[in-house]
Amino acid sequence: MRDIASEFDTIEKTKYQIGGPTFFSRSHKKTREWQVLGVTQNILREQGFDYPVYAKEQEKPDFIAYRDDGSIWSRIEIVEILVPGYKRQDYHKKLAQRKHPHFFGRIKPLTEPFAPLREQIAKKSLKPYARDSTLIVYYDIGRLHIEDAHLPFEKLISDEHNRQPLDHINTFRRVLVLNASLDALLEIYPAWIVIKPDVNGA
């Protein structure tokens, strides 16, 4: 077992030295999963919720997480949601080659910004480990890609779920969703709980 907080601290101290092209490559996939697990632990602890302290890497699902007393907190699968068609490693390679600062041009919001979320939840629900696992979703689609980006993240997800209920979430023991900035956390199953609200929304 490895201490989640220690792993997270190491990642935060070294990720800029590693650099974007390498950090976002396939070889650092597990590093990014530890990062998401560390952020989730921090938020749960800060907000007074039950949280994991240690974790052990697996293939399916990604981790088994433990409390401080050694009892199992949950098996955990982590999935990241990206803008469809976005090749992040290529982007960071090009960014590293630029001589001038990067500025975003005008980005057209996605027509269905939560379709990738639905697709990934459905995909993960077909895995044999799903019913015994907590699914942690890192919704890494930023505000520039969402029409109503001024709204808090929890409001956006709630409105989407009310418009068309999110299928397959009851396949999992629990489903948690982090926003793109890694500073807001929701539980969308089995209960709808705003664990940490999005302070950047209206």
Protein backbone atom coordinates (compact mmCIF):
# COMPACT_ATOMS: atom_id res chain seq x y z
CA MET A 1 0.00 0.00 0.00
CA ARG A 2 1.14 3.54 -0.71
CA ASP A 3 0.24 6.74 1.10
CA ILE A 4 -2.05 8.75 -1.19
CA ALA A 5 -1.07 12.15 0.22
CA SER A 6 2.64 11.42 -0.21
CA GLU A 7 2.14 10.28 -3.79
CA PHE A 8 0.12 13.41 -4.55
CA ASP A 9 2.72 15.72 -2.98
CA THR A 10 5.47 14.15 -5.08
CA ILE A 11 3.44 14.57 -8.26
CA GLU A 12 2.71 18.23 -7.52
CA LYS A 13 6.40 18.91 -6.87
CA THR A 14 7.67 17.18 -10.00
CA LYS A 15 5.00 17.58 -12.70
CA TYR A 16 6.44 20.83 -14.08
CA GLN A 17 9.92 19.33 -14.19
CA ILE A 18 8.51 16.38 -16.13
CA GLY A 19 6.89 18.79 -18.59
CA GLY A 20 3.57 18.66 -20.43
CA PRO A 21 4.55 16.45 -23.40
CA THR A 22 5.80 13.71 -21.05
CA PHE A 23 3.36 14.17 -18.16
CA PHE A 24 0.39 13.83 -20.52
CA SER A 25 1.84 10.90 -22.42
CA ARG A 26 0.57 7.35 -22.11
CA SER A 27 3.58 6.45 -19.96
CA HIS A 28 2.33 8.73 -17.16
CA LYS A 29 -1.29 7.59 -17.18
CA LYS A 30 -0.93 6.02 -13.74
CA THR A 31 0.73 9.19 -12.44
CA ARG A 32 -2.31 11.21 -13.50
CA GLU A 33 -4.61 8.66 -11.86
CA TRP A 34 -2.70 9.10 -8.58
CA GLN A 35 -3.11 12.86 -9.02
CA VAL A 36 -6.89 12.56 -9.37
CA LEU A 37 -7.02 10.19 -6.40
CA GLY A 38 -4.98 12.66 -4.34
CA VAL A 39 -7.23 15.59 -5.20
CA THR A 40 -10.30 13.52 -4.34
CA GLN A 41 -8.78 12.54 -0.99
CA ASN A 42 -7.94 16.17 -0.18
CA ILE A 43 -11.45 17.42 -0.91
CA LEU A 44 -13.18 14.60 0.98
CA ARG A 45 -10.95 15.18 4.02
CA GLU A 46 -11.33 18.97 3.95
CA GLN A 47 -15.10 18.74 3.69
CA GLY A 48 -15.45 16.23 6.51
CA PHE A 49 -16.29 13.12 4.49
CA ASP A 50 -14.96 9.58 4.86
CA TYR A 51 -11.76 9.40 2.79
CA PRO A 52 -9.09 6.91 1.75
CA VAL A 53 -5.57 7.16 3.17
CA TYR A 54 -3.69 4.40 1.34
CA ALA A 55 -4.06 2.79 -2.06
CA LYS A 56 -2.70 -0.14 -4.01
CA GLU A 57 -2.45 -0.11 -7.79
CA GLN A 58 -4.38 -2.66 -9.82
CA GLU A 59 -5.28 -3.16 -13.44
CA LYS A 60 -9.04 -3.68 -13.08
CA PRO A 61 -10.11 -1.48 -11.42
CA ASP A 62 -7.28 1.02 -11.07
CA PHE A 63 -6.92 0.95 -7.27
CA ILE A 64 -8.00 -0.58 -4.02
CA ALA A 65 -8.14 2.23 -1.46
CA TYR A 66 -7.91 1.81 2.31
CA ARG A 67 -8.77 3.83 5.38
CA ASP A 68 -6.18 4.63 8.04
CA ASP A 69 -7.17 1.53 10.02
CA GLY A 70 -6.50 -0.74 7.05
CA SER A 71 -10.14 -1.40 6.19
CA ILE A 72 -11.09 -1.19 2.52
CA TRP A 73 -12.54 2.20 1.59
CA SER A 74 -13.43 1.12 -1.95
CA ARG A 75 -12.16 -0.31 -5.18
CA ILE A 76 -11.68 2.63 -7.53
CA GLU A 77 -11.82 3.14 -11.27
CA ILE A 78 -10.74 6.52 -12.61
CA VAL A 79 -11.79 7.93 -15.97
CA GLU A 80 -10.92 11.27 -17.53
CA ILE A 81 -13.32 13.02 -19.92
CA LEU A 82 -11.66 15.07 -22.66
CA VAL A 83 -13.00 17.18 -25.52
CA PRO A 84 -13.76 14.77 -28.38
CA GLY A 85 -10.91 14.69 -30.88
CA TYR A 86 -8.50 16.56 -28.60
CA LYS A 87 -5.00 15.08 -28.74
CA ARG A 88 -3.52 16.46 -25.57
CA GLN A 89 0.02 15.16 -25.97
CA ASP A 90 0.27 16.68 -29.47
CA TYR A 91 -1.02 19.98 -28.08
CA HIS A 92 1.64 20.09 -25.36
CA LYS A 93 4.39 19.13 -27.80
CA LYS A 94 3.44 22.07 -30.03
CA LEU A 95 3.10 24.35 -27.00
CA ALA A 96 6.61 23.43 -25.82
CA GLN A 97 8.01 24.36 -29.24
CA ARG A 98 6.51 27.85 -29.27
CA LYS A 99 8.81 30.82 -28.71
CA HIS A 100 5.99 33.10 -27.61
CA PRO A 101 3.30 32.69 -24.93
CA HIS A 102 0.24 30.74 -25.97
CA PHE A 103 -3.09 32.54 -26.25
CA PHE A 104 -6.38 30.81 -26.76
CA GLY A 105 -8.37 31.86 -29.78
CA ARG A 106 -12.15 31.92 -29.79
CA ILE A 107 -13.50 28.44 -29.00
CA LYS A 108 -16.92 27.36 -30.17
CA PRO A 109 -18.79 25.63 -27.30
CA LEU A 110 -19.60 21.97 -27.74
CA THR A 111 -23.14 21.21 -28.89
CA GLU A 112 -23.40 18.30 -26.43
CA PRO A 113 -20.71 18.94 -23.79
CA PHE A 114 -21.92 16.11 -21.55
CA ALA A 115 -22.21 13.45 -24.24
CA PRO A 116 -18.62 12.26 -23.51
CA LEU A 117 -19.55 11.92 -19.84
CA ARG A 118 -22.53 9.72 -20.71
CA GLU A 119 -20.45 7.63 -23.11
CA GLN A 120 -17.65 6.98 -20.63
CA ILE A 121 -19.99 6.07 -17.77
CA ALA A 122 -21.79 3.63 -20.08
CA LYS A 123 -18.49 2.17 -21.25
CA LYS A 124 -17.15 1.67 -17.74
CA SER A 125 -20.44 0.17 -16.57
CA LEU A 126 -19.88 -2.81 -18.88
CA LYS A 127 -16.73 -3.82 -17.02
CA PRO A 128 -17.07 -6.78 -14.65
CA TYR A 129 -15.70 -4.81 -11.68
CA ALA A 130 -18.20 -1.96 -11.97
CA ARG A 131 -20.72 -2.98 -9.29
CA ASP A 132 -18.06 -3.23 -6.61
CA SER A 133 -16.29 0.00 -7.53
CA THR A 134 -16.34 3.70 -6.96
CA LEU A 135 -16.06 5.50 -10.29
CA ILE A 136 -14.17 8.79 -10.06
CA VAL A 137 -14.79 10.90 -13.15
CA TYR A 138 -12.41 13.74 -13.93
CA TYR A 139 -14.50 15.92 -16.25
CA ASP A 140 -11.57 17.65 -17.96
CA ILE A 141 -13.64 19.81 -20.30
CA GLY A 142 -13.17 23.45 -19.35
CA ARG A 143 -15.57 26.35 -19.31
CA LEU A 144 -14.57 27.59 -22.75
CA HIS A 145 -16.26 24.53 -24.26
CA ILE A 146 -19.57 24.95 -22.39
CA GLU A 147 -22.27 27.37 -23.46
CA ASP A 148 -23.47 28.15 -19.93
CA ALA A 149 -19.97 28.30 -18.50
CA HIS A 150 -20.94 31.05 -16.05
CA LEU A 151 -23.01 28.53 -14.06
CA PRO A 152 -21.45 26.54 -11.21
CA PHE A 153 -20.31 23.06 -12.19
CA GLU A 154 -22.82 21.37 -9.90
CA LYS A 155 -25.64 23.34 -11.55
CA LEU A 156 -24.47 22.29 -15.03
CA ILE A 157 -24.39 18.60 -14.09
CA SER A 158 -27.70 18.81 -12.24
CA ASP A 159 -29.42 20.52 -15.18
CA GLU A 160 -28.06 17.89 -17.56
CA HIS A 161 -29.25 15.06 -15.32
CA ASN A 162 -32.71 16.66 -15.02
CA ARG A 163 -32.88 17.11 -18.79
CA GLN A 164 -32.00 13.48 -19.38
CA PRO A 165 -31.12 11.23 -16.44
CA LEU A 166 -27.58 9.88 -16.53
CA ASP A 167 -27.82 6.21 -17.38
CA HIS A 168 -25.74 3.40 -15.91
CA ILE A 169 -24.60 5.31 -12.80
CA ASN A 170 -26.41 2.77 -10.61
CA THR A 171 -24.07 0.10 -11.97
CA PHE A 172 -21.42 1.41 -9.57
CA ARG A 173 -21.20 1.41 -5.81
CA ARG A 174 -20.58 5.15 -6.00
CA VAL A 175 -19.92 7.80 -8.66
CA LEU A 176 -17.91 10.97 -7.93
CA VAL A 177 -17.26 13.75 -10.46
CA LEU A 178 -14.44 16.33 -10.38
CA ASN A 179 -14.53 19.47 -12.50
CA ALA A 180 -11.79 20.52 -14.93
CA SER A 181 -10.11 22.80 -12.37
CA LEU A 182 -9.95 19.99 -9.80
CA ASP A 183 -11.58 22.24 -7.20
CA ALA A 184 -15.20 21.05 -7.14
CA LEU A 185 -16.44 17.55 -6.32
CA LEU A 186 -19.91 16.01 -6.64
CA GLU A 187 -21.37 12.68 -5.69
CA ILE A 188 -24.00 11.80 -8.30
CA TYR A 189 -24.71 8.26 -7.04
CA PRO A 190 -26.03 6.76 -4.79
CA ALA A 191 -27.03 10.17 -3.44
CA TRP A 192 -26.78 13.58 -5.07
CA ILE A 193 -24.36 15.49 -2.85
CA VAL A 194 -22.33 18.62 -3.53
CA ILE A 195 -19.21 17.64 -1.61
CA LYS A 196 -17.37 20.82 -2.58
CA PRO A 197 -19.17 23.51 -4.62
CA ASP A 198 -17.71 25.28 -7.62
CA VAL A 199 -16.67 28.68 -6.30
CA ASN A 200 -15.86 29.96 -9.80
CA GLY A 201 -19.46 29.80 -11.04
CA ALA A 202 -22.05 32.54 -10.81
